[in-house]
Amino acid sequence: MLAPDSRELLLDALRPPPRHSLDHAVATTFTLDLEVALMVPLAFAGFQFDEQSDPVEIMQALRAMSGRMDIFCQAGAIHAGKWPSDLVALLESSIHAAAPPRRGHIFHPKTWVLRFRGPTQELSYRLLVLSRNLTTSRNWDTILRLDGQPRQRTSANSESLARFVRALPELAILPILPDRRELLDAFADELVRVEWELPSGVREAHFHPIGLRNAPPFPVEEHFSGYRRLAISPFLGAGALRRILRPRAGQTSILVSCGEELNALPSDALEHVDVYEIDPTASLSGDDVEDDGFQTLSTNLHAKLFVVERARLAHLFVGSANATHAGLSDNVEFLCELVGSVAKFGVNAIVGDDAPFRAMLMPYVASAAAEGDEAGEAERGLTDLLFGIASRVGFRTTVTKEDDGWVARITANGLLPPIPEDSRLTIAPHNRDDEAFPIAPAEPVDVELPPRELADITAFLRLTASRTVEGKPLQCSAVVCSRLHGAPDERFQTILARQIDTPEKFMRLLALLIGFAADGGVPIAATGDGQGSWSAGAAQGVLELLARALSERPDSIDHLEEIVEHLRRSQSVPSVLPRGWDDVWLPALKARRAMRAADP
């Protein structure tokens, strides 16, 4: 169970094993926060991270990792937090908005499938099955981690995981670029030969993707057949609960959920079920409390977990699906089933009197369901409207160079769907909220933005829906990733160079960049120990660093050349490049060009 104040636990689970580097990552999430997505490459690169992470470190990690990860999320569920950094441009090719095959439902799985490369190029794999989205949420969630090794034989269990990964590109709103699609397909094909190391006491593990096109339905009655059952789910549906818990006299079923959801159920839905909710006064055990002070703990439940006992074994399901009809049938979801002893994985092991989680629970006491909230209903309607638009309309941003700067023109591959008469829609670049332009349903989208610098061109657009309810304005926004056309490759160098506005930052960039070459010839590998040591050593001078880079990772010189050349064209060169830089840089650059000429 994730501690609610520990976002690091998820990021720690993403770190490569010692002396390994990330080779490819495929992730799925329902909601995605761009600020959190920027932090993920830091974990892959082995950096430390905190609330004020070094932008230069983020920049380097993004440059090294963005081509190796693909993140699929629900279309219309991308959000930009308080820090819409220019660097999100490096995520444009990694984030894929997706929608389920069945209209009106959601793309909701939360998984990470990682491939690492070791010091002798050997491959290893890691699978994370989560209930957590890629956001700053501090709710109670679950995380299951399995490490795996490639084998010669195919694994029947891994075939369903491979089928899930193979299906993801088909769910993307914008077509995946061919070279990226080829890598994803090859990655999925590899997974059928991965043997996963099972946790202690687990006899079997099975993977259950739900809601994929042309896939058989998830057999709820078959999987939840047994004599004792537990469901932990923040969202509930009465019909789904009956199928999972099968309440009847003489059999014990237990449900843990949230008061508001429980209050909204029909009065007979909870008969013959022991029902609990999180105790708002619950606290972590002593081992989990920081020594230096009291932590404010979340009591919001977001974990999804099901247990059924049959034939003296416990079947424990973890993942993304709620106890709702949509969660078990029509949404795209992912569950992992672990089979083990009742003593270790059964109902009592999770919520028995001696279980740690039991101490956080209190019996549910029914109360009146909350009255209808017109503003809340209206806000949900606006959110659904954004989901619908983002799931059905692909946006395109076309860039041209004009005399007074770079001009972006936003269009769409279809007409916007109808919207309520009292609602309004606007679209804006995510980094310029003050440039919101109205767009209308049943009309083509065609918005030309004012000229700007190349580094301010973005593929991320902010779509906003608004209306007035009871005299009060309501507004919901979502970020959509458009397909960018016409932007030169130089745009990325311009964005990177913008981060280097002091000599200190330039030297920091140099140390990080050449640090790739100083790890014994294995890029990033030495950072997998989680110590975040990227410097090649304080005793080494710039000349020595450049010499080692030429010897061990000459392509780092190529990237540095692009940055330096861009800085030279800008007005900041005299104050950014250190004194005497050309004395060491130009000989290194001459040597690198000679290497390229000798081995084109």
Foldseek 3Di string as FASTA:
>chain_A
DDFLQCPVVVLLLLFDAFQKAFQAKEWEAAAAELVLVLCNLCSRLLADDDPDDDVLSSLVSLVVPLVRAAYEYAFLRYHYDPDPALSSQSNLLRYFHFAFPDPPATAHFGKMWTWMAHPVRAIKIKIKFKQDGSDSGSADIDIDMWIKHFDPDFDPQQLVVLVLQLQRQVGGLDHRPVVSNVVSNVVSVRRRRIDIDDPPFFDDKHKDWAAHPPDDAQPLQVVQDAQEKEKEFAAADLVLLCSRGVADPPGEYEYEYDQQRVQPYPPPSCPNYFYKYFDCVDDDPPVPADPPDGDDGDRHHRWTWMWHDHPQKIKIKGHHAGSYPCSRHHHGYMIMITIGGCVCHNPCCPQNPPHPVVSRIDTHDHDHHDDDDPLVVVQVLQSVLSSVQSSNKAKEWEWDADPVAIKIKIWIPDFRAADDPQKWKWKAAPVCPVQTDTDHGPDTRIDIDDGDYLSPDAQKMKMKMWGADPNRIDMDIGIHGHHYHDRDPLNSLVSSLVSQQAQVSVVVSLQQLLLLLLPPLHGSSNSSVSPNDRGSDPPDDSLRSLVSCVVRPVVSLVVVVSNLVVCVVDPRVVGHHDPPNCVRSVVSVVVSVVVVVVPD
